[in-house]
Amino acid sequence: MRALKIELNRISIIDIEGADVHAELLALQHEVGGYIETVGLKDGGVMIVDEEGLLKQYPHNDLASIISGHHIYGTALIVGTDEDEFDDVPQQYIDAYMIDT
């Protein structure tokens, strides 16, 4: 699955690899630094963040906060959804936030 990774000073497209749902969950947790929490976005997007980012004193992620309308701390991922499963990031997020794709 392709995801838009929003770090404090960098945005990139990454591939999340997982042979099954459990392996994919572990890969998502690794990318954000802990247990995941989802924040619904417009147009079929979902932001994935560390649910304890504030408690872990991660720095405020300004861009992720602007996109989501919530205070986001640490690294965030944007992915899409296909019913109850995560899917590739919707193209409109890549178009909006990636300068060189």
Protein backbone atom coordinates (compact mmCIF):
# COMPACT_ATOMS: atom_id res chain seq x y z
CA MET A 1 0.00 0.00 0.00
CA ARG A 2 1.27 3.48 -0.82
CA ALA A 3 1.10 6.10 1.91
CA LEU A 4 1.91 9.79 2.11
CA LYS A 5 4.30 10.18 5.06
CA ILE A 6 4.23 13.61 6.72
CA GLU A 7 7.20 14.17 8.99
CA LEU A 8 8.01 17.50 10.62
CA ASN A 9 10.24 18.73 7.80
CA ARG A 10 9.65 16.25 4.99
CA ILE A 11 6.84 14.72 2.94
CA SER A 12 7.41 11.49 1.04
CA ILE A 13 5.57 8.60 -0.52
CA ILE A 14 6.35 5.25 1.07
CA ASP A 15 5.26 1.67 0.57
CA ILE A 16 3.79 -0.17 3.54
CA GLU A 17 4.53 -3.86 3.18
CA GLY A 18 2.70 -6.60 5.00
CA ALA A 19 2.04 -10.22 4.08
CA ASP A 20 -1.20 -10.08 6.07
CA VAL A 21 -3.28 -7.62 8.09
CA HIS A 22 -1.22 -8.15 11.25
CA ALA A 23 2.09 -7.53 9.45
CA GLU A 24 0.63 -4.41 7.82
CA LEU A 25 -0.49 -3.11 11.23
CA LEU A 26 3.01 -3.63 12.62
CA ALA A 27 4.49 -1.75 9.66
CA LEU A 28 2.09 1.17 10.21
CA GLN A 29 2.96 1.23 13.93
CA HIS A 30 6.65 1.28 13.08
CA GLU A 31 6.22 4.28 10.75
CA VAL A 32 4.36 6.43 13.31
CA GLY A 33 6.20 5.20 16.40
CA GLY A 34 3.48 3.45 18.36
CA TYR A 35 -0.11 2.26 18.51
CA ILE A 36 -2.12 3.76 15.69
CA GLU A 37 -5.08 6.06 15.81
CA THR A 38 -7.00 7.08 12.70
CA VAL A 39 -8.36 10.52 11.86
CA GLY A 40 -10.92 10.67 9.06
CA LEU A 41 -10.19 13.09 6.23
CA LYS A 42 -12.24 14.35 3.31
CA ASP A 43 -12.34 12.56 -0.04
CA GLY A 44 -11.68 9.03 1.22
CA GLY A 45 -8.45 9.74 3.05
CA VAL A 46 -7.48 8.57 6.52
CA MET A 47 -4.64 9.96 8.60
CA ILE A 48 -2.78 7.47 10.78
CA VAL A 49 -0.90 8.79 13.82
CA ASP A 50 0.59 7.51 17.07
CA GLU A 51 -2.28 7.63 19.55
CA GLU A 52 0.14 8.63 22.32
CA GLY A 53 2.08 11.24 20.34
CA LEU A 54 1.23 14.04 22.80
CA LEU A 55 2.03 11.89 25.86
CA LYS A 56 5.35 10.88 24.29
CA GLN A 57 6.03 14.59 23.79
CA TYR A 58 6.46 14.31 20.04
CA PRO A 59 6.73 17.72 18.37
CA HIS A 60 3.60 19.31 16.92
CA ASN A 61 3.23 18.44 13.23
CA ASP A 62 1.91 21.67 11.74
CA LEU A 63 1.11 20.39 8.24
CA ALA A 64 -0.60 17.23 9.45
CA SER A 65 -2.61 19.36 11.90
CA ILE A 66 -3.72 21.73 9.14
CA ILE A 67 -4.73 18.84 6.86
CA SER A 68 -6.67 17.00 9.56
CA GLY A 69 -8.10 19.90 11.55
CA HIS A 70 -6.76 18.25 14.75
CA HIS A 71 -3.58 18.71 16.74
CA ILE A 72 -1.18 16.04 15.47
CA TYR A 73 2.10 15.21 17.18
CA GLY A 74 4.89 13.33 15.42
CA THR A 75 4.84 11.56 12.09
CA ALA A 76 1.55 11.08 10.26
CA LEU A 77 0.57 8.90 7.32
CA ILE A 78 -2.24 9.46 4.86
CA VAL A 79 -3.77 6.38 3.26
CA GLY A 80 -7.06 5.57 1.59
CA THR A 81 -9.72 3.06 2.53
CA ASP A 82 -11.46 0.25 0.72
CA GLU A 83 -14.45 -0.59 2.87
CA ASP A 84 -12.93 -1.72 6.20
CA GLU A 85 -9.31 -1.96 5.03
CA PHE A 86 -6.56 0.55 4.38
CA ASP A 87 -5.66 1.18 0.75
CA ASP A 88 -3.35 3.39 -1.32
CA VAL A 89 -3.33 7.11 -0.56
CA PRO A 90 -5.87 8.91 -2.78
CA GLN A 91 -4.17 10.69 -5.68
CA GLN A 92 -5.55 14.11 -4.70
CA TYR A 93 -3.36 14.11 -1.56
CA ILE A 94 -0.27 13.33 -3.62
CA ASP A 95 -1.19 16.08 -6.09
CA ALA A 96 -1.80 18.59 -3.31
CA TYR A 97 1.25 17.96 -1.12
CA MET A 98 4.00 16.45 -3.26
CA ILE A 99 6.04 18.87 -5.37
CA ASP A 100 7.89 16.22 -7.38
CA THR A 101 6.02 12.95 -7.95
